[in-house]
Amino acid sequence: MINNIESLYVEKQHEFIKQYMKMIISFSLIHVLLHNILLFYKLTFFPIIIYVIFFLISILAYLFVEKILKIKFKILVYSQIILFSILIFIGNYLSYPKFPIALFYLLPFPFAIYMVESFKISLISTFVIFAIVILNFFFWGGSYEHVPRFDIAVNIGNWFTYLYILDFFLPIIESAFVIFLISYYIGIFHKIKAQKEILNLRTSKALSKEKIDKSNEPLEVLYQNVMIYLEKSKPFLNPHYTIQELTEALNSNRTYISNSINKVGNTNFKDLMNELRIKIVLKDIEDKKYEKFTIKYLFTQAGFDQQTRFNRAFRKVTGKSPSEYIKSLEKLEK
């Protein structure tokens, strides 16, 4: 049941990312169209190039969204904040240097942070962003006199004036939509977390007795159970798999799990996970899958997330590097 709730949580995270991407693509397209229309009035072509590039990147990201979804949600949130911060400051001072209107794009950031952090950290980020906006406004000599008014005289016509005003206030409009989207999913995330907490409370008493019984198992039997579970379920294919997750899966005690691996298996949890992953890679190499796929693909599928970690673990198990091991197999076949 807990696994189902966690799966639902991840599913909703993925749903949010897709909806967010669609919104960003729409906003980028609006900017491209508006800036093309306003090109002759604003006498600058560079902002259009930025929006076109950003629009194309957004489209490309959506096409490869399934690969993006494999990245941890928290990393995606902070990477977006960093990327958008850079683009916001560049775009603002290229488009409207006299009034930092684009800084309104910073408003959704505390809400985004609240999705992956505590309310306290989100509140701190709110004050930081507010300070940044105020300081930038005074530092760059911003003035309300540079805010477009509906009575601006534009020779091209009134419709052009309205488009110019719309373009100027787009950061506020877009930020409002993004805040609404994030707030909606924050509510969903909190409901799912509450369900998980309730389920944990209901099952904690029932599991406590079972954990006590399991903790009294001989280490040899416990180690056998550990290996059976790992080889059957293969949870180590997840590069972020932890001993705590293994403990919960076996309804045991973390100390006993660790002791069984150390004393019976003569290794530790980290090395055991790597050995099992290397075992899968070795099987793929023996099946000559490296002729169809890259080594990086093989070790990623086996649960490694970094080349250096894989190379270190491979040499520790085989005494050779991957390329050396493949060459030695090819020599034996000859």
C-alpha atoms as a PDB file:
ATOM      1  CA  MET A   1       0.000   0.000   0.000  1.00  0.00           C
ATOM      2  CA  ILE A   2       2.840   2.392   0.857  1.00  0.00           C
ATOM      3  CA  ASN A   3       4.499   1.555  -2.440  1.00  0.00           C
ATOM      4  CA  ASN A   4       1.251   2.422  -4.228  1.00  0.00           C
ATOM      5  CA  ILE A   5       1.129   5.807  -2.493  1.00  0.00           C
ATOM      6  CA  GLU A   6       4.756   6.504  -3.392  1.00  0.00           C
ATOM      7  CA  SER A   7       4.043   5.504  -6.992  1.00  0.00           C
ATOM      8  CA  LEU A   8       1.088   7.884  -7.029  1.00  0.00           C
ATOM      9  CA  TYR A   9       3.306  10.673  -5.657  1.00  0.00           C
ATOM     10  CA  VAL A  10       5.876  10.136  -8.421  1.00  0.00           C
ATOM     11  CA  GLU A  11       3.094   9.908 -11.014  1.00  0.00           C
ATOM     12  CA  LYS A  12       1.719  13.284  -9.928  1.00  0.00           C
ATOM     13  CA  GLN A  13       5.211  14.793 -10.043  1.00  0.00           C
ATOM     14  CA  HIS A  14       5.561  13.615 -13.626  1.00  0.00           C
ATOM     15  CA  GLU A  15       2.107  14.956 -14.445  1.00  0.00           C
ATOM     16  CA  PHE A  16       3.067  18.366 -13.040  1.00  0.00           C
ATOM     17  CA  ILE A  17       6.282  18.455 -15.098  1.00  0.00           C
ATOM     18  CA  LYS A  18       4.380  17.767 -18.317  1.00  0.00           C
ATOM     19  CA  GLN A  19       1.746  20.400 -17.567  1.00  0.00           C
ATOM     20  CA  TYR A  20       4.442  22.897 -16.637  1.00  0.00           C
ATOM     21  CA  MET A  21       6.297  22.247 -19.898  1.00  0.00           C
ATOM     22  CA  LYS A  22       3.128  22.824 -21.915  1.00  0.00           C
ATOM     23  CA  MET A  23       2.589  26.131 -20.116  1.00  0.00           C
ATOM     24  CA  ILE A  24       6.179  27.255 -20.750  1.00  0.00           C
ATOM     25  CA  ILE A  25       5.921  26.354 -24.444  1.00  0.00           C
ATOM     26  CA  SER A  26       2.716  28.396 -24.730  1.00  0.00           C
ATOM     27  CA  PHE A  27       4.254  31.416 -22.992  1.00  0.00           C
ATOM     28  CA  SER A  28       7.393  31.213 -25.146  1.00  0.00           C
ATOM     29  CA  LEU A  29       5.300  31.150 -28.307  1.00  0.00           C
ATOM     30  CA  ILE A  30       3.331  34.202 -27.143  1.00  0.00           C
ATOM     31  CA  HIS A  31       6.601  36.076 -26.513  1.00  0.00           C
ATOM     32  CA  VAL A  32       7.966  35.153 -29.944  1.00  0.00           C
ATOM     33  CA  LEU A  33       4.803  36.365 -31.701  1.00  0.00           C
ATOM     34  CA  LEU A  34       4.569  39.590 -29.698  1.00  0.00           C
ATOM     35  CA  HIS A  35       8.226  40.473 -30.113  1.00  0.00           C
ATOM     36  CA  ASN A  36       8.038  39.878 -33.852  1.00  0.00           C
ATOM     37  CA  ILE A  37       5.113  42.272 -34.073  1.00  0.00           C
ATOM     38  CA  LEU A  38       6.847  44.817 -31.824  1.00  0.00           C
ATOM     39  CA  LEU A  39      10.216  44.454 -33.568  1.00  0.00           C
ATOM     40  CA  PHE A  40      10.106  47.720 -35.468  1.00  0.00           C
ATOM     41  CA  TYR A  41       8.861  49.691 -32.501  1.00  0.00           C
ATOM     42  CA  LYS A  42      11.369  48.361 -29.973  1.00  0.00           C
ATOM     43  CA  LEU A  43      14.259  48.515 -32.478  1.00  0.00           C
ATOM     44  CA  THR A  44      15.979  45.500 -31.004  1.00  0.00           C
ATOM     45  CA  PHE A  45      16.270  42.005 -32.416  1.00  0.00           C
ATOM     46  CA  PHE A  46      18.262  40.270 -29.675  1.00  0.00           C
ATOM     47  CA  PRO A  47      15.334  39.559 -27.264  1.00  0.00           C
ATOM     48  CA  ILE A  48      13.518  37.811 -30.108  1.00  0.00           C
ATOM     49  CA  ILE A  49      16.487  35.514 -30.635  1.00  0.00           C
ATOM     50  CA  ILE A  50      16.453  34.635 -26.923  1.00  0.00           C
ATOM     51  CA  TYR A  51      12.738  33.824 -26.937  1.00  0.00           C
ATOM     52  CA  VAL A  52      13.023  31.770 -30.143  1.00  0.00           C
ATOM     53  CA  ILE A  53      15.907  29.766 -28.711  1.00  0.00           C
ATOM     54  CA  PHE A  54      14.042  29.257 -25.443  1.00  0.00           C
ATOM     55  CA  PHE A  55      10.921  28.192 -27.349  1.00  0.00           C
ATOM     56  CA  LEU A  56      12.889  25.623 -29.361  1.00  0.00           C
ATOM     57  CA  ILE A  57      14.599  24.318 -26.225  1.00  0.00           C
ATOM     58  CA  SER A  58      11.185  23.955 -24.534  1.00  0.00           C
ATOM     59  CA  ILE A  59       9.842  21.986 -27.510  1.00  0.00           C
ATOM     60  CA  LEU A  60      12.938  19.773 -27.522  1.00  0.00           C
ATOM     61  CA  ALA A  61      12.634  19.164 -23.783  1.00  0.00           C
ATOM     62  CA  TYR A  62       8.990  18.143 -24.147  1.00  0.00           C
ATOM     63  CA  LEU A  63       9.862  15.699 -26.931  1.00  0.00           C
ATOM     64  CA  PHE A  64      12.377  14.019 -24.619  1.00  0.00           C
ATOM     65  CA  VAL A  65      10.240  14.390 -21.505  1.00  0.00           C
ATOM     66  CA  GLU A  66      10.449  10.674 -20.668  1.00  0.00           C
ATOM     67  CA  LYS A  67      14.210  10.918 -20.238  1.00  0.00           C
ATOM     68  CA  ILE A  68      13.849  14.115 -18.209  1.00  0.00           C
ATOM     69  CA  LEU A  69      11.394  12.368 -15.878  1.00  0.00           C
ATOM     70  CA  LYS A  70      14.170   9.961 -14.846  1.00  0.00           C
ATOM     71  CA  ILE A  71      15.939  12.870 -13.116  1.00  0.00           C
ATOM     72  CA  LYS A  72      15.073  13.402  -9.458  1.00  0.00           C
ATOM     73  CA  PHE A  73      12.222  15.885  -9.025  1.00  0.00           C
ATOM     74  CA  LYS A  74      14.165  18.045  -6.565  1.00  0.00           C
ATOM     75  CA  ILE A  75      17.081  18.393  -8.993  1.00  0.00           C
ATOM     76  CA  LEU A  76      14.686  19.388 -11.779  1.00  0.00           C
ATOM     77  CA  VAL A  77      13.089  22.088  -9.611  1.00  0.00           C
ATOM     78  CA  TYR A  78      16.373  23.716  -8.603  1.00  0.00           C
ATOM     79  CA  SER A  79      17.873  23.441 -12.105  1.00  0.00           C
ATOM     80  CA  GLN A  80      14.814  25.251 -13.479  1.00  0.00           C
ATOM     81  CA  ILE A  81      15.156  27.978 -10.849  1.00  0.00           C
ATOM     82  CA  ILE A  82      18.821  28.531 -11.721  1.00  0.00           C
ATOM     83  CA  LEU A  83      18.198  28.499 -15.489  1.00  0.00           C
ATOM     84  CA  PHE A  84      15.218  30.841 -15.300  1.00  0.00           C
ATOM     85  CA  SER A  85      17.065  33.219 -12.971  1.00  0.00           C
ATOM     86  CA  ILE A  86      19.788  33.675 -15.579  1.00  0.00           C
ATOM     87  CA  LEU A  87      17.304  34.132 -18.416  1.00  0.00           C
ATOM     88  CA  ILE A  88      15.164  36.527 -16.377  1.00  0.00           C
ATOM     89  CA  PHE A  89      18.031  38.917 -15.634  1.00  0.00           C
ATOM     90  CA  ILE A  90      19.301  38.802 -19.218  1.00  0.00           C
ATOM     91  CA  GLY A  91      15.873  39.223 -20.797  1.00  0.00           C
ATOM     92  CA  ASN A  92      14.780  41.988 -18.461  1.00  0.00           C
ATOM     93  CA  TYR A  93      17.684  44.333 -19.077  1.00  0.00           C
ATOM     94  CA  LEU A  94      17.581  43.735 -22.811  1.00  0.00           C
ATOM     95  CA  SER A  95      13.850  44.418 -23.098  1.00  0.00           C
ATOM     96  CA  TYR A  96      12.974  46.916 -20.333  1.00  0.00           C
ATOM     97  CA  PRO A  97      16.166  48.152 -18.631  1.00  0.00           C
ATOM     98  CA  LYS A  98      14.403  51.128 -17.062  1.00  0.00           C
ATOM     99  CA  PHE A  99      11.890  49.076 -15.110  1.00  0.00           C
ATOM    100  CA  PRO A 100      12.716  45.487 -13.968  1.00  0.00           C
ATOM    101  CA  ILE A 101       9.300  44.063 -14.829  1.00  0.00           C
ATOM    102  CA  ALA A 102      10.740  40.625 -15.680  1.00  0.00           C
ATOM    103  CA  LEU A 103      11.720  40.177 -12.040  1.00  0.00           C
ATOM    104  CA  PHE A 104       8.079  39.268 -11.442  1.00  0.00           C
ATOM    105  CA  TYR A 105       9.035  35.916 -12.955  1.00  0.00           C
ATOM    106  CA  LEU A 106      10.822  35.264  -9.651  1.00  0.00           C
ATOM    107  CA  LEU A 107       7.513  35.191  -7.764  1.00  0.00           C
ATOM    108  CA  PRO A 108       6.732  31.490  -8.444  1.00  0.00           C
ATOM    109  CA  PHE A 109      10.151  30.384  -7.122  1.00  0.00           C
ATOM    110  CA  PRO A 110       9.152  30.179  -3.412  1.00  0.00           C
ATOM    111  CA  PHE A 111       6.129  28.086  -4.390  1.00  0.00           C
ATOM    112  CA  ALA A 112       8.345  25.778  -6.450  1.00  0.00           C
ATOM    113  CA  ILE A 113      10.776  25.450  -3.538  1.00  0.00           C
ATOM    114  CA  TYR A 114       7.870  24.593  -1.233  1.00  0.00           C
ATOM    115  CA  MET A 115       7.194  21.521  -3.390  1.00  0.00           C
ATOM    116  CA  VAL A 116      10.547  19.991  -2.407  1.00  0.00           C
ATOM    117  CA  GLU A 117      11.481  21.786   0.834  1.00  0.00           C
ATOM    118  CA  SER A 118       9.896  22.784   4.130  1.00  0.00           C
ATOM    119  CA  PHE A 119       7.654  25.814   4.581  1.00  0.00           C
ATOM    120  CA  LYS A 120      10.427  27.544   6.541  1.00  0.00           C
ATOM    121  CA  ILE A 121      12.888  27.346   3.656  1.00  0.00           C
ATOM    122  CA  SER A 122      10.192  28.500   1.251  1.00  0.00           C
ATOM    123  CA  LEU A 123       9.447  31.491   3.490  1.00  0.00           C
ATOM    124  CA  ILE A 124      13.132  32.422   3.633  1.00  0.00           C
ATOM    125  CA  SER A 125      13.356  32.245  -0.159  1.00  0.00           C
ATOM    126  CA  THR A 126      10.359  34.594  -0.355  1.00  0.00           C
ATOM    127  CA  PHE A 127      12.181  37.278   1.652  1.00  0.00           C
ATOM    128  CA  VAL A 128      15.363  36.761  -0.388  1.00  0.00           C
ATOM    129  CA  ILE A 129      13.531  37.163  -3.702  1.00  0.00           C
ATOM    130  CA  PHE A 130      11.656  40.215  -2.390  1.00  0.00           C
ATOM    131  CA  ALA A 131      14.998  41.776  -1.417  1.00  0.00           C
ATOM    132  CA  ILE A 132      16.455  41.010  -4.851  1.00  0.00           C
ATOM    133  CA  VAL A 133      13.538  42.730  -6.582  1.00  0.00           C
ATOM    134  CA  ILE A 134      13.782  45.838  -4.392  1.00  0.00           C
ATOM    135  CA  LEU A 135      17.558  46.103  -4.725  1.00  0.00           C
ATOM    136  CA  ASN A 136      17.459  45.657  -8.499  1.00  0.00           C
ATOM    137  CA  PHE A 137      14.725  48.249  -8.831  1.00  0.00           C
ATOM    138  CA  PHE A 138      16.803  50.911  -7.095  1.00  0.00           C
ATOM    139  CA  PHE A 139      20.192  49.746  -8.379  1.00  0.00           C
ATOM    140  CA  TRP A 140      19.164  50.019 -12.031  1.00  0.00           C
ATOM    141  CA  GLY A 141      17.387  53.304 -11.504  1.00  0.00           C
ATOM    142  CA  GLY A 142      13.928  51.909 -12.130  1.00  0.00           C
ATOM    143  CA  SER A 143      11.048  54.344 -12.122  1.00  0.00           C
ATOM    144  CA  TYR A 144       7.281  54.035 -12.412  1.00  0.00           C
ATOM    145  CA  GLU A 145       7.523  56.694 -15.112  1.00  0.00           C
ATOM    146  CA  HIS A 146       8.768  53.962 -17.449  1.00  0.00           C
ATOM    147  CA  VAL A 147       5.679  51.811 -16.943  1.00  0.00           C
ATOM    148  CA  PRO A 148       3.612  51.920 -20.162  1.00  0.00           C
ATOM    149  CA  ARG A 149       0.239  53.680 -19.930  1.00  0.00           C
ATOM    150  CA  PHE A 150      -2.841  53.263 -22.059  1.00  0.00           C
ATOM    151  CA  ASP A 151      -2.516  56.852 -23.211  1.00  0.00           C
ATOM    152  CA  ILE A 152       0.932  56.339 -24.771  1.00  0.00           C
ATOM    153  CA  ALA A 153       1.110  57.978 -28.155  1.00  0.00           C
ATOM    154  CA  VAL A 154       2.230  55.473 -30.770  1.00  0.00           C
ATOM    155  CA  ASN A 155       2.228  56.447 -34.405  1.00  0.00           C
ATOM    156  CA  ILE A 156       1.498  52.933 -35.624  1.00  0.00           C
ATOM    157  CA  GLY A 157      -1.908  52.844 -33.946  1.00  0.00           C
ATOM    158  CA  ASN A 158      -3.815  52.016 -30.750  1.00  0.00           C
ATOM    159  CA  TRP A 159      -3.763  48.249 -31.313  1.00  0.00           C
ATOM    160  CA  PHE A 160       0.035  48.388 -31.307  1.00  0.00           C
ATOM    161  CA  THR A 161      -0.006  50.291 -28.030  1.00  0.00           C
ATOM    162  CA  TYR A 162      -2.150  47.613 -26.414  1.00  0.00           C
ATOM    163  CA  LEU A 163       0.213  44.880 -27.630  1.00  0.00           C
ATOM    164  CA  TYR A 164       3.167  46.765 -26.206  1.00  0.00           C
ATOM    165  CA  ILE A 165       1.414  47.114 -22.842  1.00  0.00           C
ATOM    166  CA  LEU A 166       0.477  43.413 -22.911  1.00  0.00           C
ATOM    167  CA  ASP A 167       4.080  42.462 -23.620  1.00  0.00           C
ATOM    168  CA  PHE A 168       5.260  44.634 -20.746  1.00  0.00           C
ATOM    169  CA  PHE A 169       2.877  43.095 -18.205  1.00  0.00           C
ATOM    170  CA  LEU A 170       3.211  39.492 -19.418  1.00  0.00           C
ATOM    171  CA  PRO A 171       5.607  38.548 -16.564  1.00  0.00           C
ATOM    172  CA  ILE A 172       2.860  39.300 -14.023  1.00  0.00           C
ATOM    173  CA  ILE A 173       0.214  37.408 -15.995  1.00  0.00           C
ATOM    174  CA  GLU A 174       2.436  34.390 -16.639  1.00  0.00           C
ATOM    175  CA  SER A 175       3.660  34.267 -13.049  1.00  0.00           C
ATOM    176  CA  ALA A 176       0.064  34.176 -11.852  1.00  0.00           C
ATOM    177  CA  PHE A 177      -0.668  31.157 -14.063  1.00  0.00           C
ATOM    178  CA  VAL A 178       2.494  29.354 -12.911  1.00  0.00           C
ATOM    179  CA  ILE A 179       1.727  30.050  -9.240  1.00  0.00           C
ATOM    180  CA  PHE A 180      -1.792  28.670  -9.719  1.00  0.00           C
ATOM    181  CA  LEU A 181      -0.426  25.493 -11.362  1.00  0.00           C
ATOM    182  CA  ILE A 182       2.188  24.952  -8.642  1.00  0.00           C
ATOM    183  CA  SER A 183      -0.308  25.653  -5.848  1.00  0.00           C
ATOM    184  CA  TYR A 184      -2.727  23.136  -7.324  1.00  0.00           C
ATOM    185  CA  TYR A 185      -0.116  20.383  -7.318  1.00  0.00           C
ATOM    186  CA  ILE A 186       1.206  21.368  -3.887  1.00  0.00           C
ATOM    187  CA  GLY A 187      -2.293  20.594  -2.592  1.00  0.00           C
ATOM    188  CA  ILE A 188      -2.203  17.207  -4.319  1.00  0.00           C
ATOM    189  CA  PHE A 189       1.271  16.417  -2.964  1.00  0.00           C
ATOM    190  CA  HIS A 190       0.225  17.287   0.590  1.00  0.00           C
ATOM    191  CA  LYS A 191      -2.843  15.047   0.366  1.00  0.00           C
ATOM    192  CA  ILE A 192      -0.694  12.127  -0.782  1.00  0.00           C
ATOM    193  CA  LYS A 193       1.826  12.737   2.021  1.00  0.00           C
ATOM    194  CA  ALA A 194      -1.000  12.866   4.557  1.00  0.00           C
ATOM    195  CA  GLN A 195      -2.321   9.530   3.298  1.00  0.00           C
ATOM    196  CA  LYS A 196       1.132   8.021   3.652  1.00  0.00           C
ATOM    197  CA  GLU A 197       1.508   9.323   7.209  1.00  0.00           C
ATOM    198  CA  ILE A 198      -1.893   7.922   8.199  1.00  0.00           C
ATOM    199  CA  LEU A 199      -1.013   4.548   6.708  1.00  0.00           C
ATOM    200  CA  ASN A 200       2.324   4.542   8.528  1.00  0.00           C
ATOM    201  CA  LEU A 201       0.584   5.230  11.834  1.00  0.00           C
ATOM    202  CA  ARG A 202      -1.911   2.430  11.264  1.00  0.00           C
ATOM    203  CA  THR A 203       0.729  -0.134  10.378  1.00  0.00           C
ATOM    204  CA  SER A 204       3.494   0.891  12.801  1.00  0.00           C
ATOM    205  CA  LYS A 205       2.092  -1.092  15.732  1.00  0.00           C
ATOM    206  CA  ALA A 206       1.499  -4.185  13.623  1.00  0.00           C
ATOM    207  CA  LEU A 207       4.991  -4.023  12.148  1.00  0.00           C
ATOM    208  CA  SER A 208       6.738  -3.404  15.462  1.00  0.00           C
ATOM    209  CA  LYS A 209       6.052  -6.918  16.739  1.00  0.00           C
ATOM    210  CA  GLU A 210       7.055  -8.424  13.424  1.00  0.00           C
ATOM    211  CA  LYS A 211      10.296  -6.441  13.406  1.00  0.00           C
ATOM    212  CA  ILE A 212      11.124  -7.662  16.910  1.00  0.00           C
ATOM    213  CA  ASP A 213      10.616 -11.246  15.806  1.00  0.00           C
ATOM    214  CA  LYS A 214      12.687 -10.713  12.694  1.00  0.00           C
ATOM    215  CA  SER A 215      15.478  -9.067  14.665  1.00  0.00           C
ATOM    216  CA  ASN A 216      15.941 -12.314  16.583  1.00  0.00           C
ATOM    217  CA  GLU A 217      16.554 -14.363  13.442  1.00  0.00           C
ATOM    218  CA  PRO A 218      19.995 -15.911  13.069  1.00  0.00           C
ATOM    219  CA  LEU A 219      22.185 -13.725  10.866  1.00  0.00           C
ATOM    220  CA  GLU A 220      22.698 -16.553   8.376  1.00  0.00           C
ATOM    221  CA  VAL A 221      18.966 -16.925   7.769  1.00  0.00           C
ATOM    222  CA  LEU A 222      18.521 -13.180   7.535  1.00  0.00           C
ATOM    223  CA  TYR A 223      21.359 -12.930   5.013  1.00  0.00           C
ATOM    224  CA  GLN A 224      19.739 -15.644   2.897  1.00  0.00           C
ATOM    225  CA  ASN A 225      16.467 -13.701   2.953  1.00  0.00           C
ATOM    226  CA  VAL A 226      18.333 -10.555   1.945  1.00  0.00           C
ATOM    227  CA  MET A 227      19.994 -12.246  -1.049  1.00  0.00           C
ATOM    228  CA  ILE A 228      16.777 -13.958  -2.159  1.00  0.00           C
ATOM    229  CA  TYR A 229      14.932 -10.671  -2.102  1.00  0.00           C
ATOM    230  CA  LEU A 230      17.704  -8.759  -3.896  1.00  0.00           C
ATOM    231  CA  GLU A 231      18.166 -11.335  -6.645  1.00  0.00           C
ATOM    232  CA  LYS A 232      14.437 -11.750  -7.180  1.00  0.00           C
ATOM    233  CA  SER A 233      13.237  -8.139  -6.990  1.00  0.00           C
ATOM    234  CA  LYS A 234      16.459  -6.456  -8.168  1.00  0.00           C
ATOM    235  CA  PRO A 235      15.794  -3.159  -6.320  1.00  0.00           C
ATOM    236  CA  PHE A 236      19.484  -2.272  -6.754  1.00  0.00           C
ATOM    237  CA  LEU A 237      18.700  -1.286 -10.367  1.00  0.00           C
ATOM    238  CA  ASN A 238      17.695   1.983  -8.742  1.00  0.00           C
ATOM    239  CA  PRO A 239      21.021   3.841  -8.258  1.00  0.00           C
ATOM    240  CA  HIS A 240      19.617   5.579  -5.173  1.00  0.00           C
ATOM    241  CA  TYR A 241      18.486   2.397  -3.402  1.00  0.00           C
ATOM    242  CA  THR A 242      19.246   2.522   0.340  1.00  0.00           C
ATOM    243  CA  ILE A 243      19.626   0.044   3.167  1.00  0.00           C
ATOM    244  CA  GLN A 244      16.626   1.685   4.832  1.00  0.00           C
ATOM    245  CA  GLU A 245      14.447   0.676   1.880  1.00  0.00           C
ATOM    246  CA  LEU A 246      15.797  -2.877   2.124  1.00  0.00           C
ATOM    247  CA  THR A 247      15.035  -2.917   5.850  1.00  0.00           C
ATOM    248  CA  GLU A 248      11.447  -1.802   5.253  1.00  0.00           C
ATOM    249  CA  ALA A 249      10.971  -4.341   2.456  1.00  0.00           C
ATOM    250  CA  LEU A 250      12.029  -7.204   4.746  1.00  0.00           C
ATOM    251  CA  ASN A 251      10.301  -5.773   7.847  1.00  0.00           C
ATOM    252  CA  SER A 252      13.529  -6.171   9.748  1.00  0.00           C
ATOM    253  CA  ASN A 253      15.957  -4.121  11.773  1.00  0.00           C
ATOM    254  CA  ARG A 254      18.577  -1.969  10.044  1.00  0.00           C
ATOM    255  CA  THR A 255      21.320  -3.025  12.425  1.00  0.00           C
ATOM    256  CA  TYR A 256      20.586  -6.716  11.904  1.00  0.00           C
ATOM    257  CA  ILE A 257      20.468  -6.287   8.131  1.00  0.00           C
ATOM    258  CA  SER A 258      23.815  -4.509   8.175  1.00  0.00           C
ATOM    259  CA  ASN A 259      25.365  -7.109  10.505  1.00  0.00           C
ATOM    260  CA  SER A 260      24.173 -10.010   8.347  1.00  0.00           C
ATOM    261  CA  ILE A 261      25.749  -8.437   5.264  1.00  0.00           C
ATOM    262  CA  ASN A 262      28.979  -7.600   7.092  1.00  0.00           C
ATOM    263  CA  LYS A 263      29.483 -10.834   9.031  1.00  0.00           C
ATOM    264  CA  VAL A 264      27.929 -13.450   6.752  1.00  0.00           C
ATOM    265  CA  GLY A 265      28.514 -11.810   3.379  1.00  0.00           C
ATOM    266  CA  ASN A 266      31.918 -10.372   4.375  1.00  0.00           C
ATOM    267  CA  THR A 267      31.051  -7.083   2.683  1.00  0.00           C
ATOM    268  CA  ASN A 268      29.003  -3.935   3.249  1.00  0.00           C
ATOM    269  CA  PHE A 269      25.709  -2.774   1.777  1.00  0.00           C
ATOM    270  CA  LYS A 270      27.268  -0.415  -0.786  1.00  0.00           C
ATOM    271  CA  ASP A 271      29.734  -3.009  -2.101  1.00  0.00           C
ATOM    272  CA  LEU A 272      27.033  -5.684  -2.177  1.00  0.00           C
ATOM    273  CA  MET A 273      24.812  -3.487  -4.349  1.00  0.00           C
ATOM    274  CA  ASN A 274      27.719  -2.787  -6.697  1.00  0.00           C
ATOM    275  CA  GLU A 275      28.618  -6.480  -6.912  1.00  0.00           C
ATOM    276  CA  LEU A 276      25.070  -7.361  -7.926  1.00  0.00           C
ATOM    277  CA  ARG A 277      25.076  -4.581 -10.517  1.00  0.00           C
ATOM    278  CA  ILE A 278      28.430  -5.704 -11.906  1.00  0.00           C
ATOM    279  CA  LYS A 279      27.058  -9.234 -12.092  1.00  0.00           C
ATOM    280  CA  ILE A 280      24.351  -7.984 -14.468  1.00  0.00           C
ATOM    281  CA  VAL A 281      26.890  -6.056 -16.565  1.00  0.00           C
ATOM    282  CA  LEU A 282      29.130  -9.132 -16.822  1.00  0.00           C
ATOM    283  CA  LYS A 283      26.173 -11.187 -18.022  1.00  0.00           C
ATOM    284  CA  ASP A 284      25.414  -8.554 -20.672  1.00  0.00           C
ATOM    285  CA  ILE A 285      29.067  -8.552 -21.781  1.00  0.00           C
ATOM    286  CA  GLU A 286      29.078 -12.347 -22.055  1.00  0.00           C
ATOM    287  CA  ASP A 287      25.951 -12.049 -24.218  1.00  0.00           C
ATOM    288  CA  LYS A 288      27.873  -9.536 -26.374  1.00  0.00           C
ATOM    289  CA  LYS A 289      25.346  -6.788 -25.768  1.00  0.00           C
ATOM    290  CA  TYR A 290      28.239  -4.315 -25.898  1.00  0.00           C
ATOM    291  CA  GLU A 291      28.250  -4.806 -29.655  1.00  0.00           C
ATOM    292  CA  LYS A 292      24.768  -3.305 -29.879  1.00  0.00           C
ATOM    293  CA  PHE A 293      24.847  -0.914 -26.922  1.00  0.00           C
ATOM    294  CA  THR A 294      27.441   1.315 -25.323  1.00  0.00           C
ATOM    295  CA  ILE A 295      29.051   0.367 -22.026  1.00  0.00           C
ATOM    296  CA  LYS A 296      27.448   3.464 -20.523  1.00  0.00           C
ATOM    297  CA  TYR A 297      24.022   2.143 -21.471  1.00  0.00           C
ATOM    298  CA  LEU A 298      24.787  -1.253 -19.923  1.00  0.00           C
ATOM    299  CA  PHE A 299      26.001   0.070 -16.592  1.00  0.00           C
ATOM    300  CA  THR A 300      23.177   2.643 -16.414  1.00  0.00           C
ATOM    301  CA  GLN A 301      20.621  -0.117 -16.919  1.00  0.00           C
ATOM    302  CA  ALA A 302      22.344  -2.095 -14.168  1.00  0.00           C
ATOM    303  CA  GLY A 303      21.923   0.712 -11.617  1.00  0.00           C
ATOM    304  CA  PHE A 304      25.062   2.845 -11.834  1.00  0.00           C
ATOM    305  CA  ASP A 305      24.574   6.582 -12.222  1.00  0.00           C
ATOM    306  CA  GLN A 306      28.222   7.586 -12.647  1.00  0.00           C
ATOM    307  CA  GLN A 307      31.017   6.318 -14.905  1.00  0.00           C
ATOM    308  CA  THR A 308      33.655   6.609 -12.171  1.00  0.00           C
ATOM    309  CA  ARG A 309      31.628   4.556  -9.692  1.00  0.00           C
ATOM    310  CA  PHE A 310      31.061   1.866 -12.298  1.00  0.00           C
ATOM    311  CA  ASN A 311      34.734   1.688 -13.304  1.00  0.00           C
ATOM    312  CA  ARG A 312      35.828   1.481  -9.664  1.00  0.00           C
ATOM    313  CA  ALA A 313      33.330  -1.262  -8.861  1.00  0.00           C
ATOM    314  CA  PHE A 314      34.098  -3.200 -12.049  1.00  0.00           C
ATOM    315  CA  ARG A 315      37.830  -3.244 -11.358  1.00  0.00           C
ATOM    316  CA  LYS A 316      37.208  -4.236  -7.732  1.00  0.00           C
ATOM    317  CA  VAL A 317      35.156  -7.275  -8.811  1.00  0.00           C
ATOM    318  CA  THR A 318      37.106  -8.379 -11.917  1.00  0.00           C
ATOM    319  CA  GLY A 319      40.527  -6.843 -11.372  1.00  0.00           C
ATOM    320  CA  LYS A 320      40.306  -5.269 -14.835  1.00  0.00           C
ATOM    321  CA  SER A 321      38.779  -2.282 -16.554  1.00  0.00           C
ATOM    322  CA  PRO A 322      35.708  -2.905 -18.763  1.00  0.00           C
ATOM    323  CA  SER A 323      37.752  -2.583 -21.980  1.00  0.00           C
ATOM    324  CA  GLU A 324      40.462  -4.901 -20.653  1.00  0.00           C
ATOM    325  CA  TYR A 325      37.856  -7.462 -19.631  1.00  0.00           C
ATOM    326  CA  ILE A 326      36.188  -7.405 -23.055  1.00  0.00           C
ATOM    327  CA  LYS A 327      39.559  -7.819 -24.814  1.00  0.00           C
ATOM    328  CA  SER A 328      40.432 -10.785 -22.612  1.00  0.00           C
ATOM    329  CA  LEU A 329      37.130 -12.472 -23.500  1.00  0.00           C
ATOM    330  CA  GLU A 330      37.689 -11.880 -27.188  1.00  0.00           C
ATOM    331  CA  LYS A 331      41.189 -13.425 -26.961  1.00  0.00           C
ATOM    332  CA  LEU A 332      39.790 -16.535 -25.272  1.00  0.00           C
ATOM    333  CA  GLU A 333      37.214 -16.938 -28.023  1.00  0.00           C
ATOM    334  CA  LYS A 334      39.937 -16.829 -30.662  1.00  0.00           C
END
